[in-house]
Amino acid sequence: MHPKNLHNTPYQFKKLIEVHIPLAPFVHTNEFGNSTIDFFNPNAVLELNKALLKLHYNVTNWSIPTNYLCAPIPGRADYIHHIADILNKVNINTPVKGLDIGVGANCIYPILGSQIYNWKMVGSDINEVAVASAKQNVTANTNLVDAIEIRHQKDNANIFAGIIKSNEKFDFTMCNPPFHSSEKEAKKGTQRKLKNLGKQASELKLNFGGMANELWCNGGEALFLKRLIKESVLFKDQVTVFTSLVSKSNNLTKLQKQLTKLKASYFIVPMEQGNKKSRILAWKFND
């Protein structure tokens, strides 16, 4: 993880339970004598997130609708810290304004950006339920109200258009694109995880939840990112640096070729959390 990520150390379950008692029933001692939870239990993950947000990020009222993505906070915080490094690399100073494409019902990236770095954040999503939930998470916490704005993308043919206002400037955009190309593919991925953990197929469930627009889309990650890059050209005068997670490394070659063709300068930032490897693709258009 990023050296500034406070989740580099094991979860402080005693302190987490002190600030959020509903987490307590889900905490147990494993065979190594360490406190933990069952990360394949969505209720346990939900209560852990609530506790983490209370203890570390001063967010006391947070929830998501049933079956929506319960994003693991440590990995999300990593992306935020790497963006801060990218902003330093391209000489962006405070105050900072960022746009999260696909904010989701959880609103995690804008929350972390505002609470860790005091950034002003805008989050957009095409799903009305997700937008309503994200707005509720903002309005339920007085420290978020002036820092975060949630906008509804009403046209699924657009990503930035209809969200970025005329003459509006952003220092960066970020995105955690849908990983899979279909629900079937998403379930197969979960089955592989369960098999690796020695669990039965009957236990199949996406432990972090997730609706269609959060986990899969037509063409999967590769097609979505191609669309994102293509549309970014239209907003090159309003955004300093565009970024996105790229989960599948074999998608990079085509994306790099596309950026080169569009005369964008780009760089890749590796990310690693435990056994999971990912990367951030960042690009900008020179003046």
Protein backbone atom coordinates (compact mmCIF):
# COMPACT_ATOMS: atom_id res chain seq x y z
CA MET A 1 0.00 0.00 0.00
CA HIS A 2 0.92 3.66 -0.31
CA PRO A 3 3.20 4.69 2.61
CA LYS A 4 0.71 7.38 3.66
CA ASN A 5 -2.19 4.93 3.81
CA LEU A 6 -3.10 4.55 7.48
CA HIS A 7 -4.49 1.08 6.71
CA ASN A 8 -0.98 -0.30 6.21
CA THR A 9 -1.25 -1.80 9.69
CA PRO A 10 -3.81 -4.41 10.86
CA TYR A 11 -7.31 -3.24 11.71
CA GLN A 12 -7.60 -1.88 15.26
CA PHE A 13 -10.71 -3.91 16.10
CA LYS A 14 -10.83 -2.83 19.75
CA LYS A 15 -10.96 0.84 18.79
CA LEU A 16 -13.30 0.13 15.88
CA ILE A 17 -15.79 -1.60 18.17
CA GLU A 18 -15.55 1.26 20.67
CA VAL A 19 -16.78 3.74 18.04
CA HIS A 20 -19.20 1.32 16.37
CA ILE A 21 -20.62 -1.40 18.64
CA PRO A 22 -22.61 -3.19 15.85
CA LEU A 23 -19.27 -4.45 14.50
CA ALA A 24 -18.63 -6.52 17.65
CA PRO A 25 -20.71 -9.64 16.80
CA PHE A 26 -18.77 -10.09 13.56
CA VAL A 27 -15.28 -10.01 15.10
CA HIS A 28 -13.67 -13.32 16.02
CA THR A 29 -10.20 -14.72 16.71
CA ASN A 30 -8.68 -16.79 13.91
CA GLU A 31 -6.36 -19.79 14.18
CA PHE A 32 -3.37 -17.46 14.42
CA GLY A 33 -4.78 -15.65 17.44
CA ASN A 34 -5.62 -12.48 15.48
CA SER A 35 -8.90 -10.60 15.53
CA THR A 36 -10.68 -10.59 12.17
CA ILE A 37 -14.05 -10.84 10.43
CA ASP A 38 -15.44 -13.06 7.70
CA PHE A 39 -14.77 -10.91 4.64
CA PHE A 40 -17.24 -13.05 2.66
CA ASN A 41 -20.05 -11.93 4.95
CA PRO A 42 -21.52 -8.74 3.43
CA ASN A 43 -23.00 -7.66 6.76
CA ALA A 44 -19.61 -7.92 8.44
CA VAL A 45 -17.95 -5.88 5.67
CA LEU A 46 -20.70 -3.24 5.90
CA GLU A 47 -20.25 -2.79 9.66
CA LEU A 48 -16.46 -2.72 9.27
CA ASN A 49 -16.77 0.11 6.76
CA LYS A 50 -19.06 2.07 9.05
CA ALA A 51 -16.55 1.67 11.88
CA LEU A 52 -13.57 2.67 9.72
CA LEU A 53 -15.36 5.79 8.50
CA LYS A 54 -16.23 6.77 12.07
CA LEU A 55 -12.81 6.11 13.58
CA HIS A 56 -10.54 7.46 10.87
CA TYR A 57 -12.54 9.82 8.65
CA ASN A 58 -15.04 11.59 10.92
CA VAL A 59 -18.03 10.22 9.01
CA THR A 60 -20.64 9.17 11.56
CA ASN A 61 -23.65 8.53 9.31
CA TRP A 62 -23.05 6.28 6.31
CA SER A 63 -25.11 3.58 4.63
CA ILE A 64 -25.80 1.94 1.27
CA PRO A 65 -28.91 0.31 -0.21
CA THR A 66 -29.14 -3.48 -0.14
CA ASN A 67 -27.00 -5.19 -2.80
CA TYR A 68 -25.05 -2.06 -3.72
CA LEU A 69 -21.25 -2.06 -3.72
CA CYS A 70 -19.68 -1.92 -0.25
CA ALA A 71 -16.27 -0.71 -1.31
CA PRO A 72 -13.25 -1.86 0.77
CA ILE A 73 -11.86 1.36 2.20
CA PRO A 74 -8.08 0.60 2.38
CA GLY A 75 -7.78 0.11 -1.39
CA ARG A 76 -9.90 3.17 -2.08
CA ALA A 77 -7.68 5.26 0.19
CA ASP A 78 -4.65 4.05 -1.79
CA TYR A 79 -6.03 5.52 -5.01
CA ILE A 80 -6.61 8.85 -3.25
CA HIS A 81 -3.03 8.99 -1.94
CA HIS A 82 -1.62 8.15 -5.38
CA ILE A 83 -3.71 10.92 -6.92
CA ALA A 84 -2.14 13.34 -4.43
CA ASP A 85 1.27 12.23 -5.72
CA ILE A 86 0.12 12.70 -9.32
CA LEU A 87 -1.08 16.22 -8.53
CA ASN A 88 2.33 17.04 -7.09
CA LYS A 89 3.98 15.59 -10.20
CA VAL A 90 2.00 17.91 -12.49
CA ASN A 91 2.50 20.87 -10.13
CA ILE A 92 -1.08 21.33 -8.95
CA ASN A 93 -1.39 23.22 -5.69
CA THR A 94 -4.33 23.71 -3.34
CA PRO A 95 -7.23 24.23 -3.46
CA VAL A 96 -7.93 21.06 -5.42
CA LYS A 97 -11.16 20.08 -7.17
CA GLY A 98 -11.72 16.52 -8.37
CA LEU A 99 -14.38 14.53 -10.23
CA ASP A 100 -15.18 10.90 -9.46
CA ILE A 101 -16.82 9.16 -12.44
CA GLY A 102 -19.15 6.41 -11.19
CA VAL A 103 -19.33 7.55 -7.58
CA GLY A 104 -21.67 4.73 -6.58
CA ALA A 105 -24.08 4.62 -3.69
CA ASN A 106 -21.18 4.46 -1.22
CA CYS A 107 -19.60 7.80 -2.23
CA ILE A 108 -16.30 6.53 -0.84
CA TYR A 109 -13.81 8.32 -3.08
CA PRO A 110 -15.27 11.82 -2.57
CA ILE A 111 -15.52 11.14 1.17
CA LEU A 112 -11.88 10.08 1.41
CA GLY A 113 -10.64 12.87 -0.86
CA SER A 114 -12.42 15.51 1.20
CA GLN A 115 -11.45 14.10 4.58
CA ILE A 116 -7.82 13.16 3.90
CA TYR A 117 -6.76 16.08 1.70
CA ASN A 118 -9.53 18.65 2.08
CA TRP A 119 -10.31 18.46 -1.64
CA LYS A 120 -13.54 19.71 -3.14
CA MET A 121 -15.16 16.75 -4.87
CA VAL A 122 -17.90 16.12 -7.41
CA GLY A 123 -19.25 12.60 -7.87
CA SER A 124 -21.32 11.46 -10.84
CA ASP A 125 -23.32 8.33 -11.54
CA ILE A 126 -25.87 7.10 -14.07
CA ASN A 127 -27.85 5.08 -11.53
CA GLU A 128 -30.57 7.13 -9.82
CA VAL A 129 -30.63 4.97 -6.68
CA ALA A 130 -26.85 5.32 -6.35
CA VAL A 131 -27.10 9.10 -6.80
CA ALA A 132 -29.82 9.36 -4.13
CA SER A 133 -27.78 7.24 -1.71
CA ALA A 134 -24.57 9.20 -2.33
CA LYS A 135 -26.44 12.46 -1.74
CA GLN A 136 -27.87 11.05 1.49
CA ASN A 137 -24.39 10.09 2.69
CA VAL A 138 -23.25 13.66 2.07
CA THR A 139 -26.20 15.46 3.66
CA ALA A 140 -26.12 13.16 6.71
CA ASN A 141 -22.66 14.46 7.66
CA THR A 142 -22.26 18.20 8.16
CA ASN A 143 -18.52 18.05 7.44
CA LEU A 144 -19.22 16.72 3.93
CA VAL A 145 -21.98 19.08 2.81
CA ASP A 146 -19.75 21.91 1.62
CA ALA A 147 -17.05 19.60 0.28
CA ILE A 148 -18.96 17.18 -1.98
CA GLU A 149 -21.52 17.60 -4.75
CA ILE A 150 -23.30 14.65 -6.39
CA ARG A 151 -24.55 14.88 -9.99
CA HIS A 152 -26.74 12.52 -12.02
CA GLN A 153 -25.52 11.47 -15.47
CA LYS A 154 -28.79 11.23 -17.40
CA ASP A 155 -27.36 10.06 -20.74
CA ASN A 156 -25.64 6.68 -20.83
CA ALA A 157 -23.93 7.68 -24.08
CA ASN A 158 -21.88 10.26 -22.20
CA ILE A 159 -19.33 10.17 -19.40
CA PHE A 160 -18.08 13.75 -18.95
CA ALA A 161 -20.65 15.56 -21.09
CA GLY A 162 -23.65 16.60 -19.01
CA ILE A 163 -21.54 16.45 -15.84
CA ILE A 164 -18.73 18.95 -16.38
CA LYS A 165 -20.37 22.36 -16.71
CA SER A 166 -19.31 24.97 -19.24
CA ASN A 167 -16.29 26.94 -18.00
CA GLU A 168 -15.93 24.57 -15.02
CA LYS A 169 -12.39 23.47 -14.17
CA PHE A 170 -11.21 20.27 -12.50
CA ASP A 171 -7.69 19.49 -11.35
CA PHE A 172 -8.27 15.77 -11.83
CA THR A 173 -10.81 13.12 -12.67
CA MET A 174 -10.80 9.59 -11.29
CA CYS A 175 -12.65 6.41 -12.15
CA ASN A 176 -12.92 2.83 -10.96
CA PRO A 177 -14.52 1.35 -14.10
CA PRO A 178 -16.82 -1.68 -14.23
CA PHE A 179 -14.50 -4.67 -14.27
CA HIS A 180 -16.61 -7.32 -16.00
CA SER A 181 -18.48 -7.45 -19.30
CA SER A 182 -21.51 -9.31 -17.91
CA GLU A 183 -23.15 -10.60 -14.74
CA LYS A 184 -22.15 -14.13 -15.77
CA GLU A 185 -18.49 -13.10 -15.95
CA ALA A 186 -18.74 -11.40 -12.54
CA LYS A 187 -20.14 -14.56 -10.96
CA LYS A 188 -17.41 -16.69 -12.54
CA GLY A 189 -14.81 -14.39 -10.99
CA THR A 190 -16.39 -14.80 -7.58
CA GLN A 191 -16.50 -18.58 -8.03
CA ARG A 192 -12.74 -18.58 -8.66
CA LYS A 193 -12.18 -16.58 -5.46
CA LEU A 194 -14.32 -19.00 -3.46
CA LYS A 195 -12.48 -21.99 -4.90
CA ASN A 196 -9.12 -20.48 -4.01
CA LEU A 197 -10.37 -19.94 -0.46
CA GLY A 198 -11.67 -23.51 -0.22
CA LYS A 199 -15.30 -22.41 -0.03
CA GLN A 200 -18.25 -24.14 -1.65
CA ALA A 201 -20.02 -22.88 -4.76
CA SER A 202 -23.24 -22.78 -2.72
CA GLU A 203 -21.68 -19.88 -0.82
CA LEU A 204 -21.54 -17.83 -4.03
CA LYS A 205 -22.13 -14.16 -3.36
CA LEU A 206 -20.34 -10.96 -4.10
CA ASN A 207 -19.19 -10.11 -0.59
CA PHE A 208 -18.89 -6.43 -1.36
CA GLY A 209 -22.20 -6.38 -3.23
CA GLY A 210 -22.58 -4.50 -6.46
CA MET A 211 -25.20 -3.72 -9.06
CA ALA A 212 -24.84 -4.02 -12.84
CA ASN A 213 -23.47 -0.53 -13.45
CA GLU A 214 -20.97 -0.98 -10.61
CA LEU A 215 -19.49 -4.36 -11.57
CA TRP A 216 -20.12 -4.92 -15.26
CA CYS A 217 -21.02 -3.16 -18.50
CA ASN A 218 -21.11 -4.04 -22.19
CA GLY A 219 -17.55 -4.54 -23.32
CA GLY A 220 -16.23 -4.55 -19.77
CA GLU A 221 -13.33 -2.44 -18.55
CA ALA A 222 -11.54 -2.16 -21.91
CA LEU A 223 -14.44 -0.66 -23.85
CA PHE A 224 -15.42 1.67 -21.02
CA LEU A 225 -11.90 3.05 -20.77
CA LYS A 226 -11.69 3.53 -24.53
CA ARG A 227 -14.86 5.62 -24.31
CA LEU A 228 -13.48 7.51 -21.32
CA ILE A 229 -10.25 8.39 -23.14
CA LYS A 230 -12.03 9.33 -26.37
CA GLU A 231 -14.38 11.72 -24.56
CA SER A 232 -11.62 13.19 -22.41
CA VAL A 233 -10.23 14.98 -25.49
CA LEU A 234 -13.35 17.15 -25.54
CA PHE A 235 -12.61 18.37 -22.01
CA LYS A 236 -8.85 18.77 -22.22
CA ASP A 237 -9.14 22.50 -21.53
CA GLN A 238 -11.22 21.94 -18.39
CA VAL A 239 -9.34 19.06 -16.74
CA THR A 240 -5.64 19.11 -15.89
CA VAL A 241 -5.11 15.37 -15.48
CA PHE A 242 -7.39 12.41 -16.13
CA THR A 243 -6.94 9.16 -14.19
CA SER A 244 -8.50 5.73 -14.02
CA LEU A 245 -7.82 2.40 -12.41
CA VAL A 246 -6.96 -0.36 -14.87
CA SER A 247 -7.52 -3.75 -13.25
CA LYS A 248 -6.57 -5.90 -16.23
CA SER A 249 -2.96 -5.36 -17.29
CA ASN A 250 -3.60 -6.79 -20.78
CA ASN A 251 -5.87 -3.80 -21.47
CA LEU A 252 -2.97 -1.36 -21.20
CA THR A 253 -1.38 -1.77 -24.64
CA LYS A 254 -4.48 -0.73 -26.58
CA LEU A 255 -5.16 2.15 -24.19
CA GLN A 256 -1.59 3.41 -24.54
CA LYS A 257 -1.87 3.29 -28.32
CA GLN A 258 -5.10 5.24 -28.16
CA LEU A 259 -3.55 7.92 -25.95
CA THR A 260 -0.52 8.19 -28.24
CA LYS A 261 -2.81 8.61 -31.25
CA LEU A 262 -4.64 11.42 -29.42
CA LYS A 263 -1.28 13.08 -28.62
CA ALA A 264 -1.74 12.77 -24.87
CA SER A 265 1.13 12.31 -22.45
CA TYR A 266 0.54 9.49 -19.99
CA PHE A 267 2.14 7.48 -17.22
CA ILE A 268 1.23 4.39 -15.21
CA VAL A 269 1.32 4.15 -11.42
CA PRO A 270 1.47 0.58 -10.03
CA MET A 271 -0.71 -0.28 -7.05
CA GLU A 272 -0.40 -3.33 -4.82
CA GLN A 273 -2.56 -4.41 -1.88
CA GLY A 274 -1.64 -7.81 -0.52
CA ASN A 275 -1.84 -10.26 -3.42
CA LYS A 276 -3.90 -7.87 -5.53
CA LYS A 277 -2.09 -5.89 -8.20
CA SER A 278 -3.60 -3.01 -10.12
CA ARG A 279 -2.48 0.27 -11.64
CA ILE A 280 -3.56 3.84 -12.29
CA LEU A 281 -3.44 5.17 -15.83
CA ALA A 282 -2.99 8.96 -15.79
CA TRP A 283 -2.97 11.20 -18.85
CA LYS A 284 -3.04 14.85 -19.82
CA PHE A 285 -3.09 16.89 -22.98
CA ASN A 286 -0.23 19.30 -23.43
CA ASP A 287 -0.99 22.97 -24.06
